[in-house]
Amino acid sequence: MTLKRERVARGVRAAIEHGEYADGQPLIQQRLASEYGVTRDVVWWALADLEKDGWVSFTNKRYLVNATHVSRQLQRVLTFAERLDLTEKKLDALCRHLLPASGRYAPPGVRMHAGPGA
């Protein structure tokens, strides 16, 4: 990972942790590029790295913030499950066990995102 890419990823992650972005808020790559003084390619790669760790989701050709703890944890579980090649049945049971009864749940293979109106 390049220093610029790491700096952008670290900055966006810190902003998410500090509540500067709402859950489901789209991240505008051009705005982030201007803010960090880098190209959009650097921002894209940084956001792709953050997606692997569950901080953002890629849907409808844009990156959305996963600000809630549950969203981040489920994304981590899904990423971990993909790496372990867990079966769908085991993954479903694991997600239901980790998720509070009042929380939202997306079945395996469906990426969660809590956008406006969700």
N, C-alpha and C. Protein backbone atom coordinates (compact mmCIF):
# COMPACT_ATOMS: atom_id res chain seq x y z
N MET A 1 0.86 -1.18 0.00
CA MET A 1 0.00 0.00 0.00
C MET A 1 0.90 1.23 0.00
N THR A 2 0.56 2.19 -0.86
CA THR A 2 1.36 3.41 -0.93
C THR A 2 1.08 4.31 0.27
N LEU A 3 1.99 5.21 0.53
CA LEU A 3 1.81 6.13 1.66
C LEU A 3 0.58 7.01 1.47
N LYS A 4 0.35 7.49 0.25
CA LYS A 4 -0.83 8.34 -0.01
C LYS A 4 -2.11 7.56 0.23
N ARG A 5 -2.15 6.36 -0.31
CA ARG A 5 -3.33 5.50 -0.17
C ARG A 5 -3.58 5.19 1.31
N GLU A 6 -2.53 4.89 2.05
CA GLU A 6 -2.64 4.60 3.47
C GLU A 6 -3.13 5.83 4.24
N ARG A 7 -2.62 7.00 3.88
CA ARG A 7 -3.03 8.24 4.55
C ARG A 7 -4.51 8.52 4.32
N VAL A 8 -4.98 8.33 3.10
CA VAL A 8 -6.40 8.54 2.80
C VAL A 8 -7.26 7.53 3.56
N ALA A 9 -6.89 6.26 3.52
CA ALA A 9 -7.65 5.22 4.22
C ALA A 9 -7.70 5.51 5.72
N ARG A 10 -6.57 5.88 6.30
CA ARG A 10 -6.51 6.18 7.73
C ARG A 10 -7.39 7.38 8.07
N GLY A 11 -7.36 8.41 7.22
CA GLY A 11 -8.17 9.61 7.44
C GLY A 11 -9.66 9.34 7.34
N VAL A 12 -10.07 8.59 6.34
CA VAL A 12 -11.49 8.28 6.16
C VAL A 12 -11.97 7.38 7.30
N ARG A 13 -11.16 6.40 7.69
CA ARG A 13 -11.52 5.52 8.80
C ARG A 13 -11.69 6.32 10.10
N ALA A 14 -10.78 7.25 10.35
CA ALA A 14 -10.87 8.09 11.55
C ALA A 14 -12.13 8.97 11.50
N ALA A 15 -12.45 9.49 10.34
CA ALA A 15 -13.66 10.32 10.20
C ALA A 15 -14.92 9.49 10.46
N ILE A 16 -14.93 8.26 10.01
CA ILE A 16 -16.07 7.37 10.27
C ILE A 16 -16.17 7.09 11.77
N GLU A 17 -15.03 6.79 12.39
CA GLU A 17 -15.03 6.50 13.83
C GLU A 17 -15.50 7.69 14.66
N HIS A 18 -15.18 8.89 14.21
CA HIS A 18 -15.55 10.11 14.95
C HIS A 18 -16.93 10.63 14.60
N GLY A 19 -17.66 9.89 13.77
CA GLY A 19 -19.03 10.27 13.46
C GLY A 19 -19.17 11.40 12.46
N GLU A 20 -18.14 11.66 11.69
CA GLU A 20 -18.20 12.73 10.70
C GLU A 20 -19.03 12.35 9.47
N TYR A 21 -19.27 11.07 9.31
CA TYR A 21 -20.10 10.57 8.21
C TYR A 21 -21.26 9.78 8.80
N ALA A 22 -22.43 9.94 8.22
CA ALA A 22 -23.60 9.17 8.64
C ALA A 22 -23.55 7.79 8.01
N ASP A 23 -24.17 6.83 8.67
CA ASP A 23 -24.24 5.49 8.13
C ASP A 23 -24.98 5.53 6.80
N GLY A 24 -24.40 4.94 5.77
CA GLY A 24 -25.01 4.92 4.45
C GLY A 24 -24.70 6.12 3.59
N GLN A 25 -23.97 7.08 4.12
CA GLN A 25 -23.64 8.29 3.35
C GLN A 25 -22.67 7.94 2.23
N PRO A 26 -22.95 8.43 1.01
CA PRO A 26 -22.03 8.18 -0.09
C PRO A 26 -20.73 8.98 0.10
N LEU A 27 -19.62 8.38 -0.27
CA LEU A 27 -18.33 9.06 -0.24
C LEU A 27 -18.01 9.53 -1.66
N ILE A 28 -17.85 10.82 -1.81
CA ILE A 28 -17.59 11.41 -3.13
C ILE A 28 -16.08 11.38 -3.37
N GLN A 29 -15.66 10.58 -4.33
CA GLN A 29 -14.24 10.38 -4.55
C GLN A 29 -13.51 11.66 -4.96
N GLN A 30 -14.12 12.48 -5.79
CA GLN A 30 -13.47 13.72 -6.21
C GLN A 30 -13.27 14.66 -5.03
N ARG A 31 -14.25 14.73 -4.14
CA ARG A 31 -14.14 15.58 -2.96
C ARG A 31 -13.01 15.09 -2.04
N LEU A 32 -12.95 13.78 -1.84
CA LEU A 32 -11.88 13.22 -1.01
C LEU A 32 -10.51 13.44 -1.65
N ALA A 33 -10.44 13.32 -2.97
CA ALA A 33 -9.17 13.56 -3.67
C ALA A 33 -8.69 14.99 -3.44
N SER A 34 -9.62 15.93 -3.53
CA SER A 34 -9.27 17.34 -3.29
C SER A 34 -8.86 17.56 -1.84
N GLU A 35 -9.60 16.97 -0.92
CA GLU A 35 -9.34 17.13 0.51
C GLU A 35 -7.96 16.61 0.90
N TYR A 36 -7.56 15.48 0.31
CA TYR A 36 -6.28 14.86 0.67
C TYR A 36 -5.14 15.20 -0.30
N GLY A 37 -5.46 15.94 -1.36
CA GLY A 37 -4.43 16.34 -2.32
C GLY A 37 -3.85 15.17 -3.09
N VAL A 38 -4.73 14.24 -3.48
CA VAL A 38 -4.31 13.05 -4.23
C VAL A 38 -5.22 12.88 -5.44
N THR A 39 -4.91 11.89 -6.26
CA THR A 39 -5.76 11.62 -7.42
C THR A 39 -6.94 10.76 -7.01
N ARG A 40 -7.94 10.70 -7.89
CA ARG A 40 -9.11 9.85 -7.62
C ARG A 40 -8.72 8.37 -7.58
N ASP A 41 -7.69 7.99 -8.34
CA ASP A 41 -7.23 6.61 -8.31
C ASP A 41 -6.75 6.22 -6.92
N VAL A 42 -6.02 7.11 -6.27
CA VAL A 42 -5.53 6.85 -4.91
C VAL A 42 -6.72 6.70 -3.97
N VAL A 43 -7.72 7.56 -4.11
CA VAL A 43 -8.91 7.49 -3.26
C VAL A 43 -9.65 6.17 -3.52
N TRP A 44 -9.80 5.81 -4.78
CA TRP A 44 -10.51 4.57 -5.11
C TRP A 44 -9.84 3.38 -4.44
N TRP A 45 -8.50 3.28 -4.54
CA TRP A 45 -7.79 2.16 -3.92
C TRP A 45 -7.91 2.19 -2.40
N ALA A 46 -7.86 3.38 -1.81
CA ALA A 46 -8.02 3.49 -0.35
C ALA A 46 -9.40 3.01 0.08
N LEU A 47 -10.43 3.40 -0.68
CA LEU A 47 -11.79 2.96 -0.37
C LEU A 47 -11.95 1.45 -0.58
N ALA A 48 -11.29 0.91 -1.58
CA ALA A 48 -11.32 -0.54 -1.80
C ALA A 48 -10.70 -1.27 -0.61
N ASP A 49 -9.63 -0.71 -0.06
CA ASP A 49 -9.01 -1.29 1.14
C ASP A 49 -9.97 -1.22 2.32
N LEU A 50 -10.65 -0.10 2.48
CA LEU A 50 -11.60 0.06 3.58
C LEU A 50 -12.79 -0.88 3.43
N GLU A 51 -13.16 -1.17 2.19
CA GLU A 51 -14.27 -2.11 1.96
C GLU A 51 -13.90 -3.51 2.47
N LYS A 52 -12.67 -3.91 2.25
CA LYS A 52 -12.22 -5.22 2.71
C LYS A 52 -12.36 -5.36 4.22
N ASP A 53 -12.19 -4.25 4.93
CA ASP A 53 -12.27 -4.26 6.40
C ASP A 53 -13.66 -3.91 6.91
N GLY A 54 -14.61 -3.68 6.01
CA GLY A 54 -15.99 -3.43 6.42
C GLY A 54 -16.34 -1.99 6.75
N TRP A 55 -15.43 -1.06 6.53
CA TRP A 55 -15.71 0.35 6.86
C TRP A 55 -16.63 1.00 5.84
N VAL A 56 -16.57 0.54 4.59
CA VAL A 56 -17.43 1.07 3.53
C VAL A 56 -17.96 -0.11 2.72
N SER A 57 -19.04 0.14 1.97
CA SER A 57 -19.60 -0.86 1.06
C SER A 57 -19.66 -0.27 -0.32
N PHE A 58 -19.46 -1.10 -1.32
CA PHE A 58 -19.56 -0.65 -2.70
C PHE A 58 -20.88 -1.15 -3.27
N THR A 59 -21.74 -0.23 -3.65
CA THR A 59 -23.03 -0.60 -4.22
C THR A 59 -23.47 0.50 -5.18
N ASN A 60 -24.12 0.10 -6.25
CA ASN A 60 -24.61 1.04 -7.26
C ASN A 60 -23.51 2.01 -7.73
N LYS A 61 -22.32 1.45 -7.95
CA LYS A 61 -21.17 2.20 -8.49
C LYS A 61 -20.69 3.33 -7.58
N ARG A 62 -20.90 3.17 -6.26
CA ARG A 62 -20.38 4.18 -5.33
C ARG A 62 -20.11 3.53 -3.98
N TYR A 63 -19.25 4.19 -3.24
CA TYR A 63 -18.91 3.70 -1.90
C TYR A 63 -19.80 4.39 -0.87
N LEU A 64 -20.34 3.59 0.06
CA LEU A 64 -21.19 4.10 1.13
C LEU A 64 -20.55 3.77 2.47
N VAL A 65 -20.73 4.66 3.43
CA VAL A 65 -20.15 4.50 4.76
C VAL A 65 -20.91 3.43 5.55
N ASN A 66 -20.17 2.55 6.22
CA ASN A 66 -20.73 1.60 7.18
C ASN A 66 -20.35 2.12 8.56
N ALA A 67 -21.11 3.05 9.08
CA ALA A 67 -20.71 3.71 10.32
C ALA A 67 -21.12 2.97 11.58
N THR A 68 -22.16 2.17 11.52
CA THR A 68 -22.61 1.53 12.75
C THR A 68 -21.75 0.32 13.08
N HIS A 69 -21.65 0.06 14.34
CA HIS A 69 -20.85 -1.06 14.81
C HIS A 69 -21.35 -2.38 14.21
N VAL A 70 -22.65 -2.56 14.18
CA VAL A 70 -23.21 -3.80 13.66
C VAL A 70 -22.85 -3.96 12.19
N SER A 71 -22.97 -2.90 11.41
CA SER A 71 -22.64 -2.98 9.99
C SER A 71 -21.18 -3.38 9.81
N ARG A 72 -20.28 -2.72 10.55
CA ARG A 72 -18.86 -3.03 10.43
C ARG A 72 -18.57 -4.47 10.84
N GLN A 73 -19.18 -4.91 11.95
CA GLN A 73 -18.92 -6.26 12.43
C GLN A 73 -19.45 -7.31 11.46
N LEU A 74 -20.64 -7.08 10.91
CA LEU A 74 -21.18 -8.05 9.94
C LEU A 74 -20.33 -8.09 8.68
N GLN A 75 -19.85 -6.93 8.24
CA GLN A 75 -18.98 -6.92 7.07
C GLN A 75 -17.70 -7.70 7.36
N ARG A 76 -17.17 -7.55 8.57
CA ARG A 76 -15.97 -8.30 8.94
C ARG A 76 -16.25 -9.80 8.96
N VAL A 77 -17.40 -10.19 9.49
CA VAL A 77 -17.77 -11.60 9.54
C VAL A 77 -17.90 -12.15 8.12
N LEU A 78 -18.56 -11.40 7.24
CA LEU A 78 -18.73 -11.85 5.86
C LEU A 78 -17.39 -11.98 5.16
N THR A 79 -16.50 -11.01 5.36
CA THR A 79 -15.17 -11.08 4.76
C THR A 79 -14.41 -12.28 5.30
N PHE A 80 -14.46 -12.47 6.61
CA PHE A 80 -13.79 -13.60 7.25
C PHE A 80 -14.36 -14.92 6.74
N ALA A 81 -15.68 -14.98 6.62
CA ALA A 81 -16.34 -16.20 6.16
C ALA A 81 -15.93 -16.52 4.72
N GLU A 82 -15.80 -15.49 3.89
CA GLU A 82 -15.36 -15.72 2.51
C GLU A 82 -13.96 -16.32 2.50
N ARG A 83 -13.10 -15.80 3.37
CA ARG A 83 -11.74 -16.32 3.43
C ARG A 83 -11.71 -17.76 3.93
N LEU A 84 -12.61 -18.10 4.84
CA LEU A 84 -12.66 -19.46 5.38
C LEU A 84 -13.51 -20.39 4.53
N ASP A 85 -14.24 -19.81 3.57
CA ASP A 85 -15.13 -20.58 2.71
C ASP A 85 -16.19 -21.32 3.53
N LEU A 86 -16.80 -20.58 4.47
CA LEU A 86 -17.88 -21.17 5.26
C LEU A 86 -19.09 -21.43 4.38
N THR A 87 -19.83 -22.45 4.70
CA THR A 87 -21.04 -22.72 3.95
C THR A 87 -22.09 -21.66 4.28
N GLU A 88 -23.04 -21.50 3.41
CA GLU A 88 -24.09 -20.51 3.61
C GLU A 88 -24.87 -20.76 4.90
N LYS A 89 -25.15 -22.02 5.20
CA LYS A 89 -25.91 -22.36 6.40
C LYS A 89 -25.15 -21.96 7.66
N LYS A 90 -23.86 -22.26 7.72
CA LYS A 90 -23.04 -21.91 8.88
C LYS A 90 -22.91 -20.40 9.00
N LEU A 91 -22.74 -19.72 7.88
CA LEU A 91 -22.61 -18.27 7.89
C LEU A 91 -23.90 -17.62 8.37
N ASP A 92 -25.03 -18.13 7.92
CA ASP A 92 -26.33 -17.60 8.35
C ASP A 92 -26.48 -17.74 9.87
N ALA A 93 -26.13 -18.90 10.39
CA ALA A 93 -26.24 -19.14 11.84
C ALA A 93 -25.30 -18.22 12.61
N LEU A 94 -24.10 -18.02 12.11
CA LEU A 94 -23.13 -17.15 12.77
C LEU A 94 -23.62 -15.70 12.80
N CYS A 95 -24.13 -15.21 11.69
CA CYS A 95 -24.62 -13.83 11.63
C CYS A 95 -25.82 -13.63 12.55
N ARG A 96 -26.73 -14.57 12.57
CA ARG A 96 -27.90 -14.46 13.46
C ARG A 96 -27.49 -14.51 14.93
N HIS A 97 -26.47 -15.27 15.25
CA HIS A 97 -25.98 -15.34 16.62
C HIS A 97 -25.34 -14.02 17.05
N LEU A 98 -24.60 -13.37 16.14
CA LEU A 98 -23.89 -12.14 16.46
C LEU A 98 -24.78 -10.91 16.48
N LEU A 99 -25.90 -10.97 15.78
CA LEU A 99 -26.75 -9.80 15.61
C LEU A 99 -27.80 -9.71 16.71
N PRO A 100 -27.91 -8.54 17.36
CA PRO A 100 -28.97 -8.36 18.36
C PRO A 100 -30.35 -8.55 17.72
N ALA A 101 -31.32 -8.95 18.51
CA ALA A 101 -32.67 -9.23 18.00
C ALA A 101 -33.27 -8.02 17.32
N SER A 102 -32.93 -6.82 17.77
CA SER A 102 -33.52 -5.61 17.19
C SER A 102 -32.75 -5.11 15.97
N GLY A 103 -31.61 -5.74 15.65
CA GLY A 103 -30.79 -5.27 14.55
C GLY A 103 -31.29 -5.74 13.21
N ARG A 104 -30.63 -5.24 12.17
CA ARG A 104 -30.98 -5.66 10.81
C ARG A 104 -30.02 -6.75 10.38
N TYR A 105 -30.45 -7.54 9.44
CA TYR A 105 -29.64 -8.65 8.98
C TYR A 105 -29.82 -8.82 7.48
N ALA A 106 -28.72 -8.99 6.79
CA ALA A 106 -28.76 -9.31 5.36
C ALA A 106 -28.27 -10.74 5.21
N PRO A 107 -29.02 -11.57 4.51
CA PRO A 107 -28.60 -12.96 4.33
C PRO A 107 -27.26 -13.05 3.60
N PRO A 108 -26.58 -14.18 3.70
CA PRO A 108 -25.30 -14.35 3.01
C PRO A 108 -25.43 -14.03 1.52
N GLY A 109 -24.41 -13.38 1.02
CA GLY A 109 -24.39 -13.01 -0.40
C GLY A 109 -25.02 -11.66 -0.67
N VAL A 110 -25.67 -11.06 0.32
CA VAL A 110 -26.28 -9.74 0.15
C VAL A 110 -25.49 -8.78 1.01
N ARG A 111 -24.90 -7.77 0.39
CA ARG A 111 -24.11 -6.80 1.14
C ARG A 111 -25.02 -5.84 1.86
N MET A 112 -24.73 -5.59 3.11
CA MET A 112 -25.54 -4.66 3.92
C MET A 112 -25.15 -3.24 3.61
N HIS A 113 -26.09 -2.39 3.63
CA HIS A 113 -25.85 -0.95 3.62
C HIS A 113 -27.08 -0.30 4.15
N ALA A 114 -26.86 0.66 4.99
CA ALA A 114 -27.98 1.35 5.64
C ALA A 114 -28.08 2.75 5.04
N GLY A 115 -28.58 2.83 3.85
CA GLY A 115 -28.71 4.12 3.18
C GLY A 115 -29.96 4.86 3.65
N PRO A 116 -30.13 6.05 3.13
CA PRO A 116 -31.30 6.83 3.48
C PRO A 116 -32.59 6.05 3.20
N GLY A 117 -33.48 6.06 4.15
CA GLY A 117 -34.77 5.40 3.99
C GLY A 117 -34.72 3.91 4.25
N ALA A 118 -33.53 3.41 4.62
CA ALA A 118 -33.41 1.96 4.86
C ALA A 118 -33.87 1.63 6.27
